[in-house]
Amino acid sequence: MFEAQKREIIKAGISLDRYGLIALSGGNVSARMETGEILVTPSGMIYEDMVEDDIVVMDIDGNIIEGSRKPSSDTDAILYIFKHRPDLKAVIHTHQPYATAISLIEDEFRADLTTLANACAGSVKVTPYSSPGSEDMGVDTVKYLGSSLAVILAHHGVITVGTSVKQALYAAVYMEEAARGYLAARAVGPIKHLSDAQIQQAVDVFKYVGQGTGRIPKEMTKRITN
């Protein structure tokens, strides 16, 4: 069941590796089906080695419906997020190095680069430290997520979310791109900030990017000065 969705999850996992957001079997990808089932990648498997039968299908309480593999060690956290954010359809967890490094020096990754504002719908909070494999990862994600599409788990990694696997994947990839730029700038001097209004403008403009929406209204792109 859900063969096409399983293939999409595996493809997303391979993309995480391709873009340097995980290594070997790190991280996980999960998705909620329209009928309520949760699809989760298995624990300890390299994404390129996965086939559709390796993806575990479970209900919202973690009862296995289909699959013989052990699900991700972060399943408790994943299920907590899905239970408490019914608007979300996908959760991705990575160990991406540049975004994770920000958790060692900041309590928030402010969207001073439009890439972050676009892909993550604004600034990204850093959660307190929680043990890998704990439900606390999910609790903190729900608490700190707000209207953003991501949180950074202190000393650990990143969780991104979305209404689709694609949206969660884009949030992870573009956050890492923004983190590289931010850390490069911070290493050589003070950071120049966008205002809250400028960040919100970047968030709003991104809603018109892609094939499903009309052209960006000119009044929406009017220059905002600090």
Protein backbone atom coordinates (compact mmCIF):
# COMPACT_ATOMS: atom_id res chain seq x y z
CA MET A 1 0.00 0.00 0.00
CA PHE A 2 1.04 3.63 -0.63
CA GLU A 3 3.77 2.55 -3.07
CA ALA A 4 4.08 5.96 -4.77
CA GLN A 5 4.32 7.76 -1.44
CA LYS A 6 6.96 5.31 -0.23
CA ARG A 7 9.03 5.99 -3.32
CA GLU A 8 8.75 9.73 -2.69
CA ILE A 9 10.00 9.24 0.88
CA ILE A 10 12.99 7.19 -0.29
CA LYS A 11 13.79 9.78 -2.97
CA ALA A 12 13.70 12.52 -0.32
CA GLY A 13 16.07 10.54 1.88
CA ILE A 14 18.52 10.14 -1.01
CA SER A 15 18.29 13.90 -1.60
CA LEU A 16 19.19 14.56 2.04
CA ASP A 17 22.39 12.58 1.50
CA ARG A 18 23.06 14.27 -1.85
CA TYR A 19 22.88 17.73 -0.30
CA GLY A 20 25.03 16.79 2.68
CA LEU A 21 22.28 17.00 5.29
CA ILE A 22 22.81 13.46 6.60
CA ALA A 23 25.47 10.77 6.38
CA LEU A 24 24.84 7.05 5.81
CA SER A 25 21.64 6.13 7.70
CA GLY A 26 21.26 9.35 9.68
CA GLY A 27 17.97 11.21 10.06
CA ASN A 28 14.53 10.10 8.95
CA VAL A 29 11.61 10.98 6.68
CA SER A 30 7.95 10.47 7.53
CA ALA A 31 4.59 11.38 6.02
CA ARG A 32 0.92 11.31 6.99
CA MET A 33 -1.50 9.83 4.46
CA GLU A 34 -4.89 11.36 3.73
CA THR A 35 -6.46 8.31 5.41
CA GLY A 36 -4.42 8.87 8.58
CA GLU A 37 -1.66 6.28 8.29
CA ILE A 38 1.92 7.35 9.05
CA LEU A 39 4.81 6.23 6.82
CA VAL A 40 8.23 6.19 8.51
CA THR A 41 11.69 5.26 7.26
CA PRO A 42 13.34 2.27 8.98
CA SER A 43 16.06 2.54 11.59
CA GLY A 44 19.70 2.15 10.56
CA MET A 45 19.25 1.74 6.81
CA ILE A 46 21.03 3.71 4.09
CA TYR A 47 18.46 5.43 1.88
CA GLU A 48 19.97 4.26 -1.38
CA ASP A 49 19.51 0.66 -0.20
CA MET A 50 15.82 1.09 0.66
CA VAL A 51 12.91 -0.30 -1.32
CA GLU A 52 9.23 0.34 -0.83
CA ASP A 53 8.76 -2.65 1.49
CA ASP A 54 11.30 -1.18 3.91
CA ILE A 55 9.07 1.80 4.72
CA VAL A 56 6.99 1.12 7.84
CA VAL A 57 3.27 1.92 7.85
CA MET A 58 1.70 2.55 11.26
CA ASP A 59 -1.26 4.24 12.85
CA ILE A 60 -1.02 7.46 14.84
CA ASP A 61 -0.46 5.45 18.04
CA GLY A 62 2.52 3.60 16.60
CA ASN A 63 0.83 0.28 15.91
CA ILE A 64 2.45 -1.36 12.87
CA ILE A 65 0.03 -1.88 9.99
CA GLU A 66 2.54 -2.95 7.33
CA GLY A 67 6.27 -3.62 7.21
CA SER A 68 8.76 -5.91 8.91
CA ARG A 69 11.49 -3.35 9.59
CA LYS A 70 12.10 -1.58 12.88
CA PRO A 71 10.91 2.02 12.42
CA SER A 72 13.10 5.05 13.07
CA SER A 73 14.35 5.44 16.62
CA ASP A 74 12.70 8.89 16.59
CA THR A 75 9.22 7.48 16.00
CA ASP A 76 7.87 8.67 19.36
CA ALA A 77 8.85 12.24 18.50
CA ILE A 78 7.47 11.94 14.98
CA LEU A 79 4.11 10.68 16.19
CA TYR A 80 3.91 13.43 18.81
CA ILE A 81 4.35 16.06 16.11
CA PHE A 82 1.68 14.52 13.90
CA LYS A 83 -0.74 14.18 16.84
CA HIS A 84 -0.36 17.77 17.94
CA ARG A 85 -0.08 19.42 14.52
CA PRO A 86 -2.88 17.92 12.41
CA ASP A 87 -2.15 20.47 9.67
CA LEU A 88 1.22 18.85 8.92
CA LYS A 89 1.70 16.01 6.44
CA ALA A 90 5.48 15.51 6.54
CA VAL A 91 8.33 15.52 9.07
CA ILE A 92 12.04 15.32 8.20
CA HIS A 93 14.88 15.01 10.69
CA THR A 94 18.48 15.67 9.67
CA HIS A 95 21.90 16.17 11.23
CA GLN A 96 22.86 18.93 8.80
CA PRO A 97 26.12 20.43 10.09
CA TYR A 98 25.86 24.14 9.36
CA ALA A 99 22.34 24.67 10.69
CA THR A 100 23.15 22.49 13.72
CA ALA A 101 26.26 24.60 14.38
CA ILE A 102 24.02 27.62 14.81
CA SER A 103 22.50 25.92 17.87
CA LEU A 104 25.92 26.18 19.56
CA ILE A 105 25.97 29.98 19.34
CA GLU A 106 22.38 31.24 18.97
CA ASP A 107 18.88 30.72 20.40
CA GLU A 108 17.30 31.64 17.07
CA PHE A 109 18.38 31.55 13.45
CA ARG A 110 17.01 34.91 12.39
CA ALA A 111 15.88 35.15 8.78
CA ASP A 112 18.43 37.75 7.73
CA LEU A 113 18.79 35.91 4.42
CA THR A 114 15.76 35.76 2.14
CA THR A 115 16.51 32.10 1.45
CA LEU A 116 15.63 31.22 5.05
CA ALA A 117 12.56 33.45 5.11
CA ASN A 118 11.34 31.91 1.85
CA ALA A 119 11.86 28.23 2.60
CA CYS A 120 11.16 28.13 6.33
CA ALA A 121 8.45 30.80 6.49
CA GLY A 122 10.51 33.03 8.76
CA SER A 123 13.10 32.79 11.49
CA VAL A 124 13.86 29.41 13.06
CA LYS A 125 13.95 28.78 16.82
CA VAL A 126 16.59 26.68 18.56
CA THR A 127 15.05 24.23 21.06
CA PRO A 128 16.61 23.15 24.36
CA TYR A 129 18.72 19.99 24.26
CA SER A 130 16.81 16.71 24.33
CA SER A 131 18.03 13.14 24.04
CA PRO A 132 18.05 11.56 20.58
CA GLY A 133 15.22 9.07 20.30
CA SER A 134 13.12 10.82 22.94
CA GLU A 135 9.56 12.09 22.67
CA ASP A 136 10.96 15.38 23.98
CA MET A 137 12.27 16.07 20.47
CA GLY A 138 8.67 16.15 19.28
CA VAL A 139 7.42 18.09 22.30
CA ASP A 140 10.03 20.80 21.75
CA THR A 141 9.34 20.90 18.01
CA VAL A 142 5.65 21.58 18.58
CA LYS A 143 6.42 24.13 21.31
CA TYR A 144 8.97 26.14 19.33
CA LEU A 145 7.76 25.69 15.73
CA GLY A 146 5.06 28.33 15.63
CA SER A 147 4.30 29.31 12.03
CA SER A 148 7.78 28.32 10.86
CA LEU A 149 8.55 25.13 8.95
CA ALA A 150 11.60 24.19 11.02
CA VAL A 151 13.32 24.08 14.37
CA ILE A 152 16.96 23.47 15.21
CA LEU A 153 17.47 20.87 17.94
CA ALA A 154 20.28 22.13 20.16
CA HIS A 155 23.49 20.08 19.91
CA HIS A 156 21.72 17.60 17.63
CA GLY A 157 20.18 18.49 14.29
CA VAL A 158 17.14 19.89 12.55
CA ILE A 159 13.46 19.02 12.17
CA THR A 160 11.57 20.42 9.21
CA VAL A 161 7.88 20.01 8.49
CA GLY A 162 5.39 20.74 5.76
CA THR A 163 2.13 20.01 4.08
CA SER A 164 4.11 17.73 1.78
CA VAL A 165 7.42 15.86 1.79
CA LYS A 166 8.65 18.27 -0.88
CA GLN A 167 7.98 21.31 1.28
CA ALA A 168 9.79 19.78 4.27
CA LEU A 169 12.72 18.79 2.04
CA TYR A 170 13.02 22.29 0.57
CA ALA A 171 13.02 23.77 4.07
CA ALA A 172 15.93 21.54 5.11
CA VAL A 173 18.00 22.11 1.98
CA TYR A 174 17.59 25.87 1.83
CA MET A 175 18.09 26.29 5.58
CA GLU A 176 21.51 24.66 5.22
CA GLU A 177 22.35 27.00 2.34
CA ALA A 178 21.38 29.98 4.47
CA ALA A 179 23.32 28.65 7.45
CA ARG A 180 26.51 28.41 5.41
CA GLY A 181 26.16 32.04 4.36
CA TYR A 182 25.31 33.20 7.86
CA LEU A 183 28.26 31.45 9.52
CA ALA A 184 30.67 32.71 6.85
CA ALA A 185 29.55 36.29 7.50
CA ARG A 186 29.56 35.92 11.28
CA ALA A 187 33.14 34.68 11.16
CA VAL A 188 34.40 37.94 9.71
CA GLY A 189 32.18 40.64 11.17
CA PRO A 190 28.85 41.70 12.69
CA ILE A 191 25.60 40.63 11.05
CA LYS A 192 23.39 43.20 9.31
CA HIS A 193 19.75 42.40 10.06
CA LEU A 194 16.58 42.54 8.01
CA SER A 195 13.67 44.18 9.79
CA ASP A 196 10.62 42.16 10.82
CA ALA A 197 8.70 43.79 7.96
CA GLN A 198 11.36 42.84 5.42
CA ILE A 199 11.37 39.25 6.66
CA GLN A 200 7.59 39.07 6.39
CA GLN A 201 7.74 40.46 2.87
CA ALA A 202 10.16 37.68 1.88
CA VAL A 203 7.82 35.09 3.39
CA ASP A 204 4.81 36.50 1.55
CA VAL A 205 6.60 36.74 -1.81
CA PHE A 206 7.61 33.09 -1.69
CA LYS A 207 3.94 32.07 -1.70
CA TYR A 208 3.92 33.08 -5.38
CA VAL A 209 6.98 31.01 -6.33
CA GLY A 210 6.25 27.86 -8.34
CA GLN A 211 3.70 26.83 -10.89
CA GLY A 212 0.55 26.87 -8.79
CA THR A 213 0.11 30.58 -8.15
CA GLY A 214 -0.11 33.76 -10.20
CA ARG A 215 2.59 36.39 -10.63
CA ILE A 216 3.84 38.33 -7.61
CA PRO A 217 1.78 41.52 -7.19
CA LYS A 218 4.04 44.55 -7.73
CA GLU A 219 2.75 46.27 -4.59
CA MET A 220 3.96 43.29 -2.56
CA THR A 221 7.56 43.83 -3.69
CA LYS A 222 7.71 47.54 -2.91
CA ARG A 223 11.02 48.35 -1.21
CA ILE A 224 10.86 48.32 2.60
CA THR A 225 13.58 50.34 4.37
CA ASN A 226 14.67 49.73 7.95
